[in-house]
Amino acid sequence: MTEQPVAVRACPLAASLDILGERWTLLAIREMTYGIHRFGQIAGYTGASRDILADRLRKLESVGIVERRQYSEHPPRYEYHLTEAGEALQPTLLSLFQWGERWAEASPTVAVRHSCGHDLKIIQTCERCGSQVSRQGIEFRAAEPRT
């Protein structure tokens, strides 16, 4: 891929960041992953202002990552739940969590434990051969056109 002329590179990571790249977006998704669904609680646990959080939740709803569910008619109130697309972000969140534990936070305040009783460590493996993924074992190349 180094032979291509230098230009803005369109890729799935850039497209993902267009949707998820704002600070409060991933924190709101984190709260829904933790089981927090009400707007006020999401705002409180993330520290996002109500205006910014409302904007982020609307954006997530418009792209199908979050769905609103009404839980009160008078006054109308909604909960926010992850869709299948939102749930599919869990491995990404866990990887970022693990990276933050190691490189960004001096004293973790939350631990992630697997149902087997041990602290969870995310290890990426190749679906085909089962080998652990490392930078040395992967190659980036131009994608084949979709048909």
Protein backbone atom coordinates (compact mmCIF):
# COMPACT_ATOMS: atom_id res chain seq x y z
CA MET A 1 0.00 0.00 0.00
CA THR A 2 3.00 2.35 0.24
CA GLU A 3 3.10 2.72 -3.58
CA GLN A 4 -0.13 4.73 -3.75
CA PRO A 5 0.04 8.54 -4.05
CA VAL A 6 -0.47 10.41 -0.79
CA ALA A 7 -4.13 11.37 -0.38
CA VAL A 8 -6.81 11.14 2.26
CA ARG A 9 -7.35 7.45 2.78
CA ALA A 10 -10.96 6.28 3.00
CA CYS A 11 -11.27 3.17 5.15
CA PRO A 12 -13.61 1.40 7.58
CA LEU A 13 -11.74 2.93 10.55
CA ALA A 14 -12.33 6.46 9.25
CA ALA A 15 -16.01 5.64 8.60
CA SER A 16 -16.32 4.24 12.14
CA LEU A 17 -14.76 7.35 13.64
CA ASP A 18 -17.22 9.53 11.72
CA ILE A 19 -19.92 7.87 13.82
CA LEU A 20 -18.14 7.02 17.08
CA GLY A 21 -15.22 9.44 17.27
CA GLU A 22 -16.71 12.08 19.56
CA ARG A 23 -15.83 11.81 23.26
CA TRP A 24 -19.30 11.42 24.75
CA THR A 25 -20.45 8.90 22.14
CA LEU A 26 -18.38 5.95 23.37
CA LEU A 27 -19.02 6.87 27.00
CA ALA A 28 -22.79 6.78 26.37
CA ILE A 29 -22.39 3.38 24.70
CA ARG A 30 -20.31 2.26 27.69
CA GLU A 31 -23.16 3.13 30.05
CA MET A 32 -25.71 1.23 27.97
CA THR A 33 -23.31 -1.74 27.99
CA TYR A 34 -23.26 -1.47 31.81
CA GLY A 35 -27.08 -1.61 31.81
CA ILE A 36 -27.78 2.11 32.26
CA HIS A 37 -30.58 3.19 29.93
CA ARG A 38 -32.15 6.39 31.26
CA PHE A 39 -31.00 9.72 29.92
CA GLY A 40 -30.34 11.37 33.29
CA GLN A 41 -28.24 8.46 34.50
CA ILE A 42 -26.25 8.32 31.26
CA ALA A 43 -25.60 12.07 31.56
CA GLY A 44 -24.59 11.73 35.21
CA TYR A 45 -22.22 8.80 34.75
CA THR A 46 -20.55 10.25 31.65
CA GLY A 47 -20.38 13.89 32.71
CA ALA A 48 -21.78 14.99 29.35
CA SER A 49 -23.98 18.06 29.23
CA ARG A 50 -27.62 17.28 28.48
CA ASP A 51 -27.48 19.11 25.12
CA ILE A 52 -24.37 17.28 23.93
CA LEU A 53 -25.66 13.90 25.13
CA ALA A 54 -29.02 14.44 23.41
CA ASP A 55 -27.18 15.25 20.18
CA ARG A 56 -24.97 12.14 20.43
CA LEU A 57 -27.91 9.85 21.22
CA ARG A 58 -29.90 11.24 18.27
CA LYS A 59 -26.92 10.58 15.99
CA LEU A 60 -26.51 7.04 17.32
CA GLU A 61 -30.22 6.42 16.84
CA SER A 62 -30.13 7.76 13.27
CA VAL A 63 -27.37 5.30 12.29
CA GLY A 64 -29.00 2.32 14.00
CA ILE A 65 -26.66 1.85 16.98
CA VAL A 66 -29.19 2.91 19.63
CA GLU A 67 -32.95 2.66 19.84
CA ARG A 68 -35.29 4.68 22.04
CA ARG A 69 -37.96 2.86 24.02
CA GLN A 70 -40.75 4.77 25.71
CA TYR A 71 -41.22 3.86 29.36
CA SER A 72 -43.60 6.66 30.42
CA GLU A 73 -46.46 8.29 28.55
CA HIS A 74 -47.13 11.22 30.90
CA PRO A 75 -44.70 12.85 30.61
CA PRO A 76 -43.18 11.05 27.63
CA ARG A 77 -39.86 9.54 28.71
CA TYR A 78 -37.52 7.20 26.92
CA GLU A 79 -34.78 4.72 27.63
CA TYR A 80 -31.87 4.13 25.28
CA HIS A 81 -30.84 0.59 24.34
CA LEU A 82 -28.15 -0.77 22.07
CA THR A 83 -29.26 -2.42 18.85
CA GLU A 84 -27.45 -5.40 17.34
CA ALA A 85 -25.00 -2.93 15.75
CA GLY A 86 -24.44 -1.32 19.15
CA GLU A 87 -23.92 -4.67 20.88
CA ALA A 88 -21.35 -5.54 18.21
CA LEU A 89 -19.17 -2.73 19.62
CA GLN A 90 -18.55 -4.67 22.86
CA PRO A 91 -15.23 -6.25 21.74
CA THR A 92 -14.00 -2.80 20.68
CA LEU A 93 -15.00 -1.27 24.02
CA LEU A 94 -13.31 -4.11 25.91
CA SER A 95 -10.13 -3.68 23.86
CA LEU A 96 -10.10 0.08 24.56
CA PHE A 97 -10.78 -0.64 28.24
CA GLN A 98 -7.85 -3.05 28.35
CA TRP A 99 -5.58 -0.58 26.56
CA GLY A 100 -6.61 2.17 29.00
CA GLU A 101 -5.86 -0.05 31.99
CA ARG A 102 -2.35 -0.60 30.73
CA TRP A 103 -1.42 2.71 29.14
CA ALA A 104 -3.77 5.50 30.26
CA GLU A 105 -5.02 5.04 33.81
CA ALA A 106 -2.82 4.76 36.89
CA SER A 107 -5.49 3.24 39.13
CA PRO A 108 -8.40 1.37 37.49
CA THR A 109 -11.78 1.87 39.16
CA VAL A 110 -13.58 -0.95 37.34
CA ALA A 111 -12.50 -4.51 36.64
CA VAL A 112 -13.93 -6.72 33.91
CA ARG A 113 -14.44 -10.30 34.99
CA HIS A 114 -15.50 -13.16 32.75
CA SER A 115 -18.21 -15.63 33.81
CA CYS A 116 -15.43 -18.18 34.49
CA GLY A 117 -14.40 -15.98 37.43
CA HIS A 118 -11.15 -14.60 36.04
CA ASP A 119 -10.30 -11.06 34.96
CA LEU A 120 -10.98 -10.71 31.26
CA LYS A 121 -8.12 -10.22 28.82
CA ILE A 122 -8.98 -9.66 25.18
CA ILE A 123 -6.78 -11.55 22.73
CA GLN A 124 -7.46 -11.19 19.03
CA THR A 125 -7.20 -14.35 16.97
CA CYS A 126 -7.60 -15.15 13.30
CA GLU A 127 -10.99 -16.76 12.69
CA ARG A 128 -9.53 -19.10 10.05
CA CYS A 129 -6.37 -20.48 11.69
CA GLY A 130 -6.82 -19.57 15.35
CA SER A 131 -3.42 -17.84 15.60
CA GLN A 132 -3.04 -14.77 17.80
CA VAL A 133 -3.03 -11.54 15.78
CA SER A 134 0.00 -9.26 15.95
CA ARG A 135 1.19 -6.38 13.79
CA GLN A 136 3.90 -8.59 12.34
CA GLY A 137 1.36 -11.17 11.19
CA ILE A 138 -0.98 -8.88 9.27
CA GLU A 139 -0.77 -7.19 5.90
CA PHE A 140 -2.76 -4.16 4.74
CA ARG A 141 -3.62 -4.16 1.06
CA ALA A 142 -6.13 -2.55 -1.27
CA ALA A 143 -9.56 -4.16 -0.98
CA GLU A 144 -11.19 -5.96 -3.87
CA PRO A 145 -14.13 -4.02 -5.36
CA ARG A 146 -17.52 -5.22 -4.10
CA THR A 147 -19.78 -6.77 -6.71
